[in-house]
Amino acid sequence: MPANLSQPYLEAEERYRAATTHEEKVAALEEMITLLPKHKGTEKLHADLKSRLAKLRKSDDKKGGPARRSSELVIEKEGAGQVLLLGPPNAGKSALMAALTNAPVEVTEYPFSTHRPVPGSMRYQDVRVQLVDLPSISPDFLDPNLPSLCRLADAAVICADLSSPDCLDHPEWVVQTLDRLRIKVERTRVHDLPKVQQRKVLPAFIAGTKADHPDAPDALALLREAVPFLDVLPVSVRQPETLKAFRKRCFDLFGLVRVYSKPPGKEPEMDTPFLLPEGATVLDFAGKVHLDFREKLAFARVWGPGKYEGQRVARDYRVADGDVIELHMR
């Protein structure tokens, strides 16, 4: 067995071995492929896993059924990354999705109206973040898709209804459910996570929904006291300023900065920012623009807040959010 296999991978492998249905085997294999470290020592295993998955999917095509089920277990990521919306029944997850994305969600007054994962694209300024509305979590119900989706996601938002008498219980239900699945939520960022984790960690915060309710301020104070290990952000679909703060907080979960390219002698390309981890350098940016630019880069000029216009910087200059960079080659 190749070295450096993470604990989440080994757990997915164990689920594959214990799987008794076709769908369970497909889901476990998809997860194993995603979690498998990519290096020379795992090339043979990676090829073997893909071959097994291809055979299972081929049998799906012949039968004409189960393949549709597996597409719900793995949602292709888009934009800056994928953030799951987790919470108990009627916590306001679907209302947030409807206010922030064009996803086809159903907002109702009765519980468990979300029957399957629903992805949607949320815009934060000139960047998109993928939100995924998941079926509700309660002490009596766990959607079978939840473990796989949580292990493959980048981050999460736990929704707690500030108007509900059970508000303080809402995060506890979610955290305890994830803990049983060996998944931990923390006040951290995707970029700060170790590449090899013994246990899956989801950067997260709590969204205190229905923040316009008269009881919300008191509930918010109690919630922050009850869950000190996560930040709590008040949000209401009726208060645009709170939705704006929610968008930014989701983007901040990734620890990324936006950098814009300016070809020499031309206007900057402000429509499509490059996303780099905080602390990245001009050299990292050059490699994003074109792989060959890392070797050929001589220096760069930078436009941005607190800088001289077109300030010349070296290859090890650390880029900041909003920087416009003009690369000069040898």
C-alpha atoms as a PDB file:
ATOM      1  CA  MET A   1       0.000   0.000   0.000  1.00  0.00           C
ATOM      2  CA  PRO A   2       1.426   3.463  -0.869  1.00  0.00           C
ATOM      3  CA  ALA A   3       2.635   5.586   2.028  1.00  0.00           C
ATOM      4  CA  ASN A   4       1.016   8.789   3.314  1.00  0.00           C
ATOM      5  CA  LEU A   5      -2.586   7.709   2.839  1.00  0.00           C
ATOM      6  CA  SER A   6      -4.776  10.005   4.925  1.00  0.00           C
ATOM      7  CA  GLN A   7      -7.185   8.767   7.570  1.00  0.00           C
ATOM      8  CA  PRO A   8     -10.226   9.984   5.544  1.00  0.00           C
ATOM      9  CA  TYR A   9      -8.976   7.913   2.573  1.00  0.00           C
ATOM     10  CA  LEU A  10      -8.570   4.807   4.745  1.00  0.00           C
ATOM     11  CA  GLU A  11     -12.079   5.312   6.115  1.00  0.00           C
ATOM     12  CA  ALA A  12     -13.477   5.616   2.567  1.00  0.00           C
ATOM     13  CA  GLU A  13     -11.593   2.429   1.647  1.00  0.00           C
ATOM     14  CA  GLU A  14     -13.179   0.650   4.620  1.00  0.00           C
ATOM     15  CA  ARG A  15     -16.631   1.827   3.488  1.00  0.00           C
ATOM     16  CA  TYR A  16     -15.915   0.434   0.024  1.00  0.00           C
ATOM     17  CA  ARG A  17     -14.998  -2.951   1.459  1.00  0.00           C
ATOM     18  CA  ALA A  18     -18.111  -2.985   3.626  1.00  0.00           C
ATOM     19  CA  ALA A  19     -20.441  -1.751   0.857  1.00  0.00           C
ATOM     20  CA  THR A  20     -23.331  -4.067   0.094  1.00  0.00           C
ATOM     21  CA  THR A  21     -25.027  -2.076  -2.670  1.00  0.00           C
ATOM     22  CA  HIS A  22     -23.912  -0.837  -6.066  1.00  0.00           C
ATOM     23  CA  GLU A  23     -24.514   2.804  -5.101  1.00  0.00           C
ATOM     24  CA  GLU A  24     -22.429   2.520  -1.925  1.00  0.00           C
ATOM     25  CA  LYS A  25     -19.497   1.087  -3.877  1.00  0.00           C
ATOM     26  CA  VAL A  26     -19.642   3.894  -6.471  1.00  0.00           C
ATOM     27  CA  ALA A  27     -19.823   6.581  -3.784  1.00  0.00           C
ATOM     28  CA  ALA A  28     -16.889   5.117  -1.845  1.00  0.00           C
ATOM     29  CA  LEU A  29     -14.718   4.744  -4.956  1.00  0.00           C
ATOM     30  CA  GLU A  30     -15.428   8.337  -6.049  1.00  0.00           C
ATOM     31  CA  GLU A  31     -14.420   9.533  -2.589  1.00  0.00           C
ATOM     32  CA  MET A  32     -11.248   7.397  -2.555  1.00  0.00           C
ATOM     33  CA  ILE A  33     -10.139   8.832  -5.913  1.00  0.00           C
ATOM     34  CA  THR A  34     -10.665  12.376  -4.662  1.00  0.00           C
ATOM     35  CA  LEU A  35      -8.819  11.780  -1.370  1.00  0.00           C
ATOM     36  CA  LEU A  36      -5.918   9.770  -2.805  1.00  0.00           C
ATOM     37  CA  PRO A  37      -2.614  11.727  -2.656  1.00  0.00           C
ATOM     38  CA  LYS A  38      -1.259  12.435  -6.138  1.00  0.00           C
ATOM     39  CA  HIS A  39       2.381  11.337  -6.443  1.00  0.00           C
ATOM     40  CA  LYS A  40       4.417   8.692  -8.215  1.00  0.00           C
ATOM     41  CA  GLY A  41       3.894   6.132  -5.478  1.00  0.00           C
ATOM     42  CA  THR A  42       0.109   6.200  -5.941  1.00  0.00           C
ATOM     43  CA  GLU A  43      -0.058   6.121  -9.750  1.00  0.00           C
ATOM     44  CA  LYS A  44      -0.802   2.387  -9.930  1.00  0.00           C
ATOM     45  CA  LEU A  45      -3.451   2.579  -7.198  1.00  0.00           C
ATOM     46  CA  HIS A  46      -5.060   5.611  -8.838  1.00  0.00           C
ATOM     47  CA  ALA A  47      -5.306   3.750 -12.153  1.00  0.00           C
ATOM     48  CA  ASP A  48      -6.786   0.714 -10.397  1.00  0.00           C
ATOM     49  CA  LEU A  49      -9.434   2.806  -8.627  1.00  0.00           C
ATOM     50  CA  LYS A  50     -10.437   4.539 -11.863  1.00  0.00           C
ATOM     51  CA  SER A  51     -10.658   1.191 -13.620  1.00  0.00           C
ATOM     52  CA  ARG A  52     -12.947  -0.226 -10.915  1.00  0.00           C
ATOM     53  CA  LEU A  53     -15.126   2.889 -11.024  1.00  0.00           C
ATOM     54  CA  ALA A  54     -15.362   2.740 -14.825  1.00  0.00           C
ATOM     55  CA  LYS A  55     -16.549  -0.876 -14.659  1.00  0.00           C
ATOM     56  CA  LEU A  56     -19.230   0.024 -12.110  1.00  0.00           C
ATOM     57  CA  ARG A  57     -20.419   2.970 -14.201  1.00  0.00           C
ATOM     58  CA  LYS A  58     -20.466   0.822 -17.321  1.00  0.00           C
ATOM     59  CA  SER A  59     -22.765  -1.619 -15.586  1.00  0.00           C
ATOM     60  CA  ASP A  60     -24.900   1.386 -14.577  1.00  0.00           C
ATOM     61  CA  ASP A  61     -25.302   2.347 -18.231  1.00  0.00           C
ATOM     62  CA  LYS A  62     -26.442  -1.162 -19.108  1.00  0.00           C
ATOM     63  CA  LYS A  63     -28.991  -1.224 -16.297  1.00  0.00           C
ATOM     64  CA  GLY A  64     -30.092   2.375 -16.933  1.00  0.00           C
ATOM     65  CA  GLY A  65     -30.702   3.369 -13.330  1.00  0.00           C
ATOM     66  CA  PRO A  66     -28.263   3.680 -10.441  1.00  0.00           C
ATOM     67  CA  ALA A  67     -25.837   6.033 -12.260  1.00  0.00           C
ATOM     68  CA  ARG A  68     -28.270   8.882 -11.730  1.00  0.00           C
ATOM     69  CA  ARG A  69     -28.038   8.299  -7.995  1.00  0.00           C
ATOM     70  CA  SER A  70     -24.239   8.617  -7.877  1.00  0.00           C
ATOM     71  CA  SER A  71     -24.338  12.104  -9.418  1.00  0.00           C
ATOM     72  CA  GLU A  72     -25.922  13.359  -6.191  1.00  0.00           C
ATOM     73  CA  LEU A  73     -23.038  12.033  -4.124  1.00  0.00           C
ATOM     74  CA  VAL A  74     -20.313  14.025  -5.867  1.00  0.00           C
ATOM     75  CA  ILE A  75     -21.060  17.606  -6.918  1.00  0.00           C
ATOM     76  CA  GLU A  76     -18.458  19.091  -9.243  1.00  0.00           C
ATOM     77  CA  LYS A  77     -16.949  22.194  -7.666  1.00  0.00           C
ATOM     78  CA  GLU A  78     -17.220  25.585  -9.317  1.00  0.00           C
ATOM     79  CA  GLY A  79     -15.805  29.050  -8.698  1.00  0.00           C
ATOM     80  CA  ALA A  80     -13.545  29.739  -5.715  1.00  0.00           C
ATOM     81  CA  GLY A  81     -14.748  26.574  -3.984  1.00  0.00           C
ATOM     82  CA  GLN A  82     -17.654  24.694  -2.433  1.00  0.00           C
ATOM     83  CA  VAL A  83     -19.454  25.676   0.792  1.00  0.00           C
ATOM     84  CA  LEU A  84     -22.133  23.415   2.280  1.00  0.00           C
ATOM     85  CA  LEU A  85     -25.201  24.823   4.040  1.00  0.00           C
ATOM     86  CA  LEU A  86     -25.885  22.607   7.058  1.00  0.00           C
ATOM     87  CA  GLY A  87     -28.645  22.904   9.607  1.00  0.00           C
ATOM     88  CA  PRO A  88     -31.773  21.464  11.207  1.00  0.00           C
ATOM     89  CA  PRO A  89     -35.272  21.630   9.683  1.00  0.00           C
ATOM     90  CA  ASN A  90     -36.592  25.156   9.014  1.00  0.00           C
ATOM     91  CA  ALA A  91     -33.231  26.793   9.836  1.00  0.00           C
ATOM     92  CA  GLY A  92     -33.435  29.090   6.798  1.00  0.00           C
ATOM     93  CA  LYS A  93     -30.952  27.305   4.502  1.00  0.00           C
ATOM     94  CA  SER A  94     -33.216  27.240   1.458  1.00  0.00           C
ATOM     95  CA  ALA A  95     -34.270  30.861   1.993  1.00  0.00           C
ATOM     96  CA  LEU A  96     -30.596  31.861   1.936  1.00  0.00           C
ATOM     97  CA  MET A  97     -30.037  29.862  -1.256  1.00  0.00           C
ATOM     98  CA  ALA A  98     -33.004  31.545  -2.908  1.00  0.00           C
ATOM     99  CA  ALA A  99     -31.760  35.012  -1.909  1.00  0.00           C
ATOM    100  CA  LEU A 100     -28.131  34.448  -2.927  1.00  0.00           C
ATOM    101  CA  THR A 101     -28.314  32.149  -5.980  1.00  0.00           C
ATOM    102  CA  ASN A 102     -30.579  31.121  -8.841  1.00  0.00           C
ATOM    103  CA  ALA A 103     -30.731  27.530  -7.619  1.00  0.00           C
ATOM    104  CA  PRO A 104     -34.136  25.818  -7.926  1.00  0.00           C
ATOM    105  CA  VAL A 105     -34.827  25.529  -4.186  1.00  0.00           C
ATOM    106  CA  GLU A 106     -38.225  25.285  -2.516  1.00  0.00           C
ATOM    107  CA  VAL A 107     -38.781  27.618   0.454  1.00  0.00           C
ATOM    108  CA  THR A 108     -41.571  26.340   2.689  1.00  0.00           C
ATOM    109  CA  GLU A 109     -42.837  26.633   6.258  1.00  0.00           C
ATOM    110  CA  TYR A 110     -42.764  22.864   6.793  1.00  0.00           C
ATOM    111  CA  PRO A 111     -39.607  20.841   7.579  1.00  0.00           C
ATOM    112  CA  PHE A 112     -37.553  18.580   5.277  1.00  0.00           C
ATOM    113  CA  SER A 113     -38.632  20.339   2.062  1.00  0.00           C
ATOM    114  CA  THR A 114     -35.080  19.868   0.687  1.00  0.00           C
ATOM    115  CA  HIS A 115     -34.933  16.206  -0.362  1.00  0.00           C
ATOM    116  CA  ARG A 116     -31.566  16.152  -2.152  1.00  0.00           C
ATOM    117  CA  PRO A 117     -28.403  18.313  -2.413  1.00  0.00           C
ATOM    118  CA  VAL A 118     -28.977  21.451  -4.505  1.00  0.00           C
ATOM    119  CA  PRO A 119     -25.911  23.404  -5.755  1.00  0.00           C
ATOM    120  CA  GLY A 120     -26.032  27.086  -6.640  1.00  0.00           C
ATOM    121  CA  SER A 121     -23.581  29.824  -7.616  1.00  0.00           C
ATOM    122  CA  MET A 122     -23.263  32.860  -5.332  1.00  0.00           C
ATOM    123  CA  ARG A 123     -21.470  36.007  -6.485  1.00  0.00           C
ATOM    124  CA  TYR A 124     -19.078  37.878  -4.218  1.00  0.00           C
ATOM    125  CA  GLN A 125     -18.045  40.987  -6.139  1.00  0.00           C
ATOM    126  CA  ASP A 126     -16.269  39.523  -9.214  1.00  0.00           C
ATOM    127  CA  VAL A 127     -15.846  35.987  -7.836  1.00  0.00           C
ATOM    128  CA  ARG A 128     -18.297  33.106  -7.599  1.00  0.00           C
ATOM    129  CA  VAL A 129     -18.593  30.709  -4.677  1.00  0.00           C
ATOM    130  CA  GLN A 130     -20.582  27.497  -4.917  1.00  0.00           C
ATOM    131  CA  LEU A 131     -23.188  26.948  -2.198  1.00  0.00           C
ATOM    132  CA  VAL A 132     -24.821  23.542  -1.707  1.00  0.00           C
ATOM    133  CA  ASP A 133     -28.131  23.342   0.155  1.00  0.00           C
ATOM    134  CA  LEU A 134     -28.304  19.962   1.892  1.00  0.00           C
ATOM    135  CA  PRO A 135     -31.244  18.083   3.392  1.00  0.00           C
ATOM    136  CA  SER A 136     -31.828  18.987   7.026  1.00  0.00           C
ATOM    137  CA  ILE A 137     -29.957  17.386   9.910  1.00  0.00           C
ATOM    138  CA  SER A 138     -31.889  16.330  12.995  1.00  0.00           C
ATOM    139  CA  PRO A 139     -31.332  13.890  15.878  1.00  0.00           C
ATOM    140  CA  ASP A 140     -33.674  11.471  14.074  1.00  0.00           C
ATOM    141  CA  PHE A 141     -32.530  11.794  10.456  1.00  0.00           C
ATOM    142  CA  LEU A 142     -29.252  11.709   8.483  1.00  0.00           C
ATOM    143  CA  ASP A 143     -29.278  11.974   4.703  1.00  0.00           C
ATOM    144  CA  PRO A 144     -27.115   9.149   3.236  1.00  0.00           C
ATOM    145  CA  ASN A 145     -25.373  11.643   0.929  1.00  0.00           C
ATOM    146  CA  LEU A 146     -24.119  13.785   3.804  1.00  0.00           C
ATOM    147  CA  PRO A 147     -20.908  11.907   4.774  1.00  0.00           C
ATOM    148  CA  SER A 148     -19.541  11.796   1.227  1.00  0.00           C
ATOM    149  CA  LEU A 149     -20.423  15.418   0.448  1.00  0.00           C
ATOM    150  CA  CYS A 150     -18.912  16.713   3.694  1.00  0.00           C
ATOM    151  CA  ARG A 151     -15.641  14.877   3.114  1.00  0.00           C
ATOM    152  CA  LEU A 152     -15.307  16.312  -0.386  1.00  0.00           C
ATOM    153  CA  ALA A 153     -16.445  19.896   0.344  1.00  0.00           C
ATOM    154  CA  ASP A 154     -14.116  22.812   1.059  1.00  0.00           C
ATOM    155  CA  ALA A 155     -16.027  24.535   3.867  1.00  0.00           C
ATOM    156  CA  ALA A 156     -19.403  24.768   5.604  1.00  0.00           C
ATOM    157  CA  VAL A 157     -21.931  27.168   7.079  1.00  0.00           C
ATOM    158  CA  ILE A 158     -24.075  25.954   9.973  1.00  0.00           C
ATOM    159  CA  CYS A 159     -27.475  27.662   9.970  1.00  0.00           C
ATOM    160  CA  ALA A 160     -29.235  28.353  13.284  1.00  0.00           C
ATOM    161  CA  ASP A 161     -32.671  30.001  13.427  1.00  0.00           C
ATOM    162  CA  LEU A 162     -32.476  32.991  15.810  1.00  0.00           C
ATOM    163  CA  SER A 163     -36.280  33.054  16.061  1.00  0.00           C
ATOM    164  CA  SER A 164     -36.527  29.451  17.294  1.00  0.00           C
ATOM    165  CA  PRO A 165     -36.682  28.396  20.968  1.00  0.00           C
ATOM    166  CA  ASP A 166     -34.295  25.566  20.009  1.00  0.00           C
ATOM    167  CA  CYS A 167     -31.733  27.949  18.499  1.00  0.00           C
ATOM    168  CA  LEU A 168     -28.936  26.907  20.866  1.00  0.00           C
ATOM    169  CA  ASP A 169     -29.479  23.236  20.001  1.00  0.00           C
ATOM    170  CA  HIS A 170     -29.152  23.710  16.247  1.00  0.00           C
ATOM    171  CA  PRO A 171     -25.333  23.903  16.006  1.00  0.00           C
ATOM    172  CA  GLU A 172     -25.004  21.086  18.535  1.00  0.00           C
ATOM    173  CA  TRP A 173     -27.079  18.727  16.361  1.00  0.00           C
ATOM    174  CA  VAL A 174     -24.869  19.444  13.372  1.00  0.00           C
ATOM    175  CA  VAL A 175     -21.540  19.326  15.218  1.00  0.00           C
ATOM    176  CA  GLN A 176     -22.392  16.059  16.980  1.00  0.00           C
ATOM    177  CA  THR A 177     -23.570  14.467  13.733  1.00  0.00           C
ATOM    178  CA  LEU A 178     -20.346  15.439  11.971  1.00  0.00           C
ATOM    179  CA  ASP A 179     -18.281  14.277  14.930  1.00  0.00           C
ATOM    180  CA  ARG A 180     -19.782  10.790  14.625  1.00  0.00           C
ATOM    181  CA  LEU A 181     -18.638  10.844  11.004  1.00  0.00           C
ATOM    182  CA  ARG A 182     -15.112  11.895  12.087  1.00  0.00           C
ATOM    183  CA  ILE A 183     -15.578  15.329  10.549  1.00  0.00           C
ATOM    184  CA  LYS A 184     -14.657  18.435  12.525  1.00  0.00           C
ATOM    185  CA  VAL A 185     -15.697  22.067  12.005  1.00  0.00           C
ATOM    186  CA  GLU A 186     -13.234  24.771  12.990  1.00  0.00           C
ATOM    187  CA  ARG A 187     -12.657  28.516  12.890  1.00  0.00           C
ATOM    188  CA  THR A 188      -9.972  28.326  10.211  1.00  0.00           C
ATOM    189  CA  ARG A 189      -9.467  28.755   6.443  1.00  0.00           C
ATOM    190  CA  VAL A 190      -9.078  26.267   3.616  1.00  0.00           C
ATOM    191  CA  HIS A 191      -5.625  27.627   2.758  1.00  0.00           C
ATOM    192  CA  ASP A 192      -4.431  27.096   6.355  1.00  0.00           C
ATOM    193  CA  LEU A 193      -5.368  23.403   6.532  1.00  0.00           C
ATOM    194  CA  PRO A 194      -2.574  20.803   6.382  1.00  0.00           C
ATOM    195  CA  LYS A 195      -2.446  18.909   3.106  1.00  0.00           C
ATOM    196  CA  VAL A 196      -2.551  15.576   4.922  1.00  0.00           C
ATOM    197  CA  GLN A 197      -5.255  15.408   7.592  1.00  0.00           C
ATOM    198  CA  GLN A 198      -5.781  12.606  10.077  1.00  0.00           C
ATOM    199  CA  ARG A 199      -9.385  13.744  10.321  1.00  0.00           C
ATOM    200  CA  LYS A 200     -11.460  15.764   7.860  1.00  0.00           C
ATOM    201  CA  VAL A 201     -11.672  19.424   8.928  1.00  0.00           C
ATOM    202  CA  LEU A 202     -14.212  21.850   7.470  1.00  0.00           C
ATOM    203  CA  PRO A 203     -13.547  25.579   7.922  1.00  0.00           C
ATOM    204  CA  ALA A 204     -16.906  26.919   9.088  1.00  0.00           C
ATOM    205  CA  PHE A 205     -18.949  29.627  10.734  1.00  0.00           C
ATOM    206  CA  ILE A 206     -22.503  29.842  12.045  1.00  0.00           C
ATOM    207  CA  ALA A 207     -25.139  31.876  10.199  1.00  0.00           C
ATOM    208  CA  GLY A 208     -27.743  33.114  12.669  1.00  0.00           C
ATOM    209  CA  THR A 209     -30.703  33.284  10.289  1.00  0.00           C
ATOM    210  CA  LYS A 210     -33.869  35.406  10.614  1.00  0.00           C
ATOM    211  CA  ALA A 211     -31.789  38.143  12.259  1.00  0.00           C
ATOM    212  CA  ASP A 212     -34.662  40.603  11.765  1.00  0.00           C
ATOM    213  CA  HIS A 213     -36.785  38.762  14.371  1.00  0.00           C
ATOM    214  CA  PRO A 214     -37.447  40.725  17.632  1.00  0.00           C
ATOM    215  CA  ASP A 215     -35.787  37.987  19.720  1.00  0.00           C
ATOM    216  CA  ALA A 216     -32.712  37.778  17.467  1.00  0.00           C
ATOM    217  CA  PRO A 217     -30.327  40.054  19.454  1.00  0.00           C
ATOM    218  CA  ASP A 218     -30.762  38.047  22.667  1.00  0.00           C
ATOM    219  CA  ALA A 219     -30.552  34.724  20.829  1.00  0.00           C
ATOM    220  CA  LEU A 220     -27.405  35.901  19.019  1.00  0.00           C
ATOM    221  CA  ALA A 221     -25.653  36.758  22.294  1.00  0.00           C
ATOM    222  CA  LEU A 222     -26.561  33.385  23.813  1.00  0.00           C
ATOM    223  CA  LEU A 223     -25.467  31.523  20.682  1.00  0.00           C
ATOM    224  CA  ARG A 224     -22.048  33.184  20.681  1.00  0.00           C
ATOM    225  CA  GLU A 225     -21.624  32.211  24.321  1.00  0.00           C
ATOM    226  CA  ALA A 226     -22.773  28.622  23.729  1.00  0.00           C
ATOM    227  CA  VAL A 227     -20.540  28.001  20.688  1.00  0.00           C
ATOM    228  CA  PRO A 228     -17.293  29.933  21.354  1.00  0.00           C
ATOM    229  CA  PHE A 229     -15.228  27.869  18.885  1.00  0.00           C
ATOM    230  CA  LEU A 230     -17.066  29.228  15.801  1.00  0.00           C
ATOM    231  CA  ASP A 231     -17.863  32.757  14.642  1.00  0.00           C
ATOM    232  CA  VAL A 232     -21.562  33.641  14.483  1.00  0.00           C
ATOM    233  CA  LEU A 233     -22.788  35.972  11.731  1.00  0.00           C
ATOM    234  CA  PRO A 234     -26.356  37.365  11.882  1.00  0.00           C
ATOM    235  CA  VAL A 235     -28.132  37.232   8.523  1.00  0.00           C
ATOM    236  CA  SER A 236     -31.613  37.894   7.197  1.00  0.00           C
ATOM    237  CA  VAL A 237     -32.952  37.563   3.676  1.00  0.00           C
ATOM    238  CA  ARG A 238     -34.812  40.844   4.339  1.00  0.00           C
ATOM    239  CA  GLN A 239     -31.629  42.766   5.201  1.00  0.00           C
ATOM    240  CA  PRO A 240     -29.362  43.250   2.163  1.00  0.00           C
ATOM    241  CA  GLU A 241     -26.426  44.438   4.276  1.00  0.00           C
ATOM    242  CA  THR A 242     -26.353  41.107   6.137  1.00  0.00           C
ATOM    243  CA  LEU A 243     -26.427  39.173   2.847  1.00  0.00           C
ATOM    244  CA  LYS A 244     -23.475  41.255   1.675  1.00  0.00           C
ATOM    245  CA  ALA A 245     -21.572  40.347   4.856  1.00  0.00           C
ATOM    246  CA  PHE A 246     -22.506  36.677   4.353  1.00  0.00           C
ATOM    247  CA  ARG A 247     -21.055  36.668   0.825  1.00  0.00           C
ATOM    248  CA  LYS A 248     -17.766  38.128   2.063  1.00  0.00           C
ATOM    249  CA  ARG A 249     -17.568  35.746   5.017  1.00  0.00           C
ATOM    250  CA  CYS A 250     -18.006  32.740   2.715  1.00  0.00           C
ATOM    251  CA  PHE A 251     -15.216  33.981   0.439  1.00  0.00           C
ATOM    252  CA  ASP A 252     -12.986  34.602   3.483  1.00  0.00           C
ATOM    253  CA  LEU A 253     -13.304  30.905   4.404  1.00  0.00           C
ATOM    254  CA  PHE A 254     -10.856  30.092   1.602  1.00  0.00           C
ATOM    255  CA  GLY A 255      -7.980  32.448   2.517  1.00  0.00           C
ATOM    256  CA  LEU A 256      -7.655  33.657  -1.080  1.00  0.00           C
ATOM    257  CA  VAL A 257      -6.729  36.969  -2.692  1.00  0.00           C
ATOM    258  CA  ARG A 258      -7.829  38.294  -6.084  1.00  0.00           C
ATOM    259  CA  VAL A 259      -5.110  39.439  -8.471  1.00  0.00           C
ATOM    260  CA  TYR A 260      -5.643  41.004 -11.904  1.00  0.00           C
ATOM    261  CA  SER A 261      -3.401  40.744 -14.937  1.00  0.00           C
ATOM    262  CA  LYS A 262      -2.263  43.786 -16.943  1.00  0.00           C
ATOM    263  CA  PRO A 263      -0.442  42.991 -20.206  1.00  0.00           C
ATOM    264  CA  PRO A 264       2.311  45.576 -20.873  1.00  0.00           C
ATOM    265  CA  GLY A 265       0.952  48.565 -22.783  1.00  0.00           C
ATOM    266  CA  LYS A 266      -2.682  47.451 -22.372  1.00  0.00           C
ATOM    267  CA  GLU A 267      -5.560  47.986 -19.973  1.00  0.00           C
ATOM    268  CA  PRO A 268      -5.850  45.596 -17.015  1.00  0.00           C
ATOM    269  CA  GLU A 269      -8.158  42.604 -17.327  1.00  0.00           C
ATOM    270  CA  MET A 270     -10.541  43.349 -14.454  1.00  0.00           C
ATOM    271  CA  ASP A 271     -13.300  40.862 -15.340  1.00  0.00           C
ATOM    272  CA  THR A 272     -11.464  37.659 -14.491  1.00  0.00           C
ATOM    273  CA  PRO A 273      -9.285  37.761 -11.358  1.00  0.00           C
ATOM    274  CA  PHE A 274      -6.725  35.097 -10.615  1.00  0.00           C
ATOM    275  CA  LEU A 275      -7.299  33.477  -7.212  1.00  0.00           C
ATOM    276  CA  LEU A 276      -4.183  32.829  -5.167  1.00  0.00           C
ATOM    277  CA  PRO A 277      -3.667  31.763  -1.536  1.00  0.00           C
ATOM    278  CA  GLU A 278      -2.905  34.583   0.870  1.00  0.00           C
ATOM    279  CA  GLY A 279       0.872  34.987   1.066  1.00  0.00           C
ATOM    280  CA  ALA A 280       1.442  34.055  -2.593  1.00  0.00           C
ATOM    281  CA  THR A 281       4.143  35.929  -4.489  1.00  0.00           C
ATOM    282  CA  VAL A 282       4.479  37.558  -7.891  1.00  0.00           C
ATOM    283  CA  LEU A 283       6.302  34.391  -8.976  1.00  0.00           C
ATOM    284  CA  ASP A 284       3.261  32.293  -7.996  1.00  0.00           C
ATOM    285  CA  PHE A 285       1.040  34.658  -9.967  1.00  0.00           C
ATOM    286  CA  ALA A 286       3.307  34.382 -13.021  1.00  0.00           C
ATOM    287  CA  GLY A 287       2.961  30.600 -12.908  1.00  0.00           C
ATOM    288  CA  LYS A 288      -0.828  30.953 -12.817  1.00  0.00           C
ATOM    289  CA  VAL A 289      -0.805  33.142 -15.929  1.00  0.00           C
ATOM    290  CA  HIS A 290       1.473  30.761 -17.840  1.00  0.00           C
ATOM    291  CA  LEU A 291       3.729  27.964 -16.619  1.00  0.00           C
ATOM    292  CA  ASP A 292       6.705  29.239 -18.634  1.00  0.00           C
ATOM    293  CA  PHE A 293       6.467  32.681 -17.032  1.00  0.00           C
ATOM    294  CA  ARG A 294       7.916  31.397 -13.740  1.00  0.00           C
ATOM    295  CA  GLU A 295      11.277  30.780 -15.400  1.00  0.00           C
ATOM    296  CA  LYS A 296      11.255  33.856 -17.630  1.00  0.00           C
ATOM    297  CA  LEU A 297      10.032  36.463 -15.119  1.00  0.00           C
ATOM    298  CA  ALA A 298      12.440  39.375 -14.548  1.00  0.00           C
ATOM    299  CA  PHE A 299      10.279  41.742 -12.475  1.00  0.00           C
ATOM    300  CA  ALA A 300       6.738  43.070 -12.212  1.00  0.00           C
ATOM    301  CA  ARG A 301       4.904  46.352 -11.807  1.00  0.00           C
ATOM    302  CA  VAL A 302       2.011  46.619  -9.380  1.00  0.00           C
ATOM    303  CA  TRP A 303      -1.000  48.889  -9.048  1.00  0.00           C
ATOM    304  CA  GLY A 304      -3.091  48.654  -5.913  1.00  0.00           C
ATOM    305  CA  PRO A 305      -4.178  50.237  -2.631  1.00  0.00           C
ATOM    306  CA  GLY A 306      -1.279  51.845  -0.741  1.00  0.00           C
ATOM    307  CA  LYS A 307       1.191  51.495  -3.616  1.00  0.00           C
ATOM    308  CA  TYR A 308       2.784  53.807  -6.128  1.00  0.00           C
ATOM    309  CA  GLU A 309       1.170  53.566  -9.556  1.00  0.00           C
ATOM    310  CA  GLY A 310       3.128  50.955 -11.472  1.00  0.00           C
ATOM    311  CA  GLN A 311       5.498  50.338  -8.560  1.00  0.00           C
ATOM    312  CA  ARG A 312       8.306  47.968  -9.552  1.00  0.00           C
ATOM    313  CA  VAL A 313       8.545  44.848  -7.363  1.00  0.00           C
ATOM    314  CA  ALA A 314      10.741  41.763  -7.206  1.00  0.00           C
ATOM    315  CA  ARG A 315       9.744  38.169  -7.858  1.00  0.00           C
ATOM    316  CA  ASP A 316       9.220  37.476  -4.135  1.00  0.00           C
ATOM    317  CA  TYR A 317       6.790  40.376  -3.597  1.00  0.00           C
ATOM    318  CA  ARG A 318       3.677  39.122  -1.760  1.00  0.00           C
ATOM    319  CA  VAL A 319       0.523  39.975  -3.669  1.00  0.00           C
ATOM    320  CA  ALA A 320      -2.472  41.555  -1.941  1.00  0.00           C
ATOM    321  CA  ASP A 321      -6.174  41.385  -2.673  1.00  0.00           C
ATOM    322  CA  GLY A 322      -7.016  43.744  -5.536  1.00  0.00           C
ATOM    323  CA  ASP A 323      -3.480  44.046  -6.914  1.00  0.00           C
ATOM    324  CA  VAL A 324      -3.098  44.676 -10.650  1.00  0.00           C
ATOM    325  CA  ILE A 325       0.154  43.150 -11.875  1.00  0.00           C
ATOM    326  CA  GLU A 326       2.106  43.699 -15.073  1.00  0.00           C
ATOM    327  CA  LEU A 327       4.683  40.970 -15.727  1.00  0.00           C
ATOM    328  CA  HIS A 328       7.979  41.649 -17.504  1.00  0.00           C
ATOM    329  CA  MET A 329      10.033  38.775 -18.904  1.00  0.00           C
ATOM    330  CA  ARG A 330      13.746  38.356 -19.438  1.00  0.00           C
END
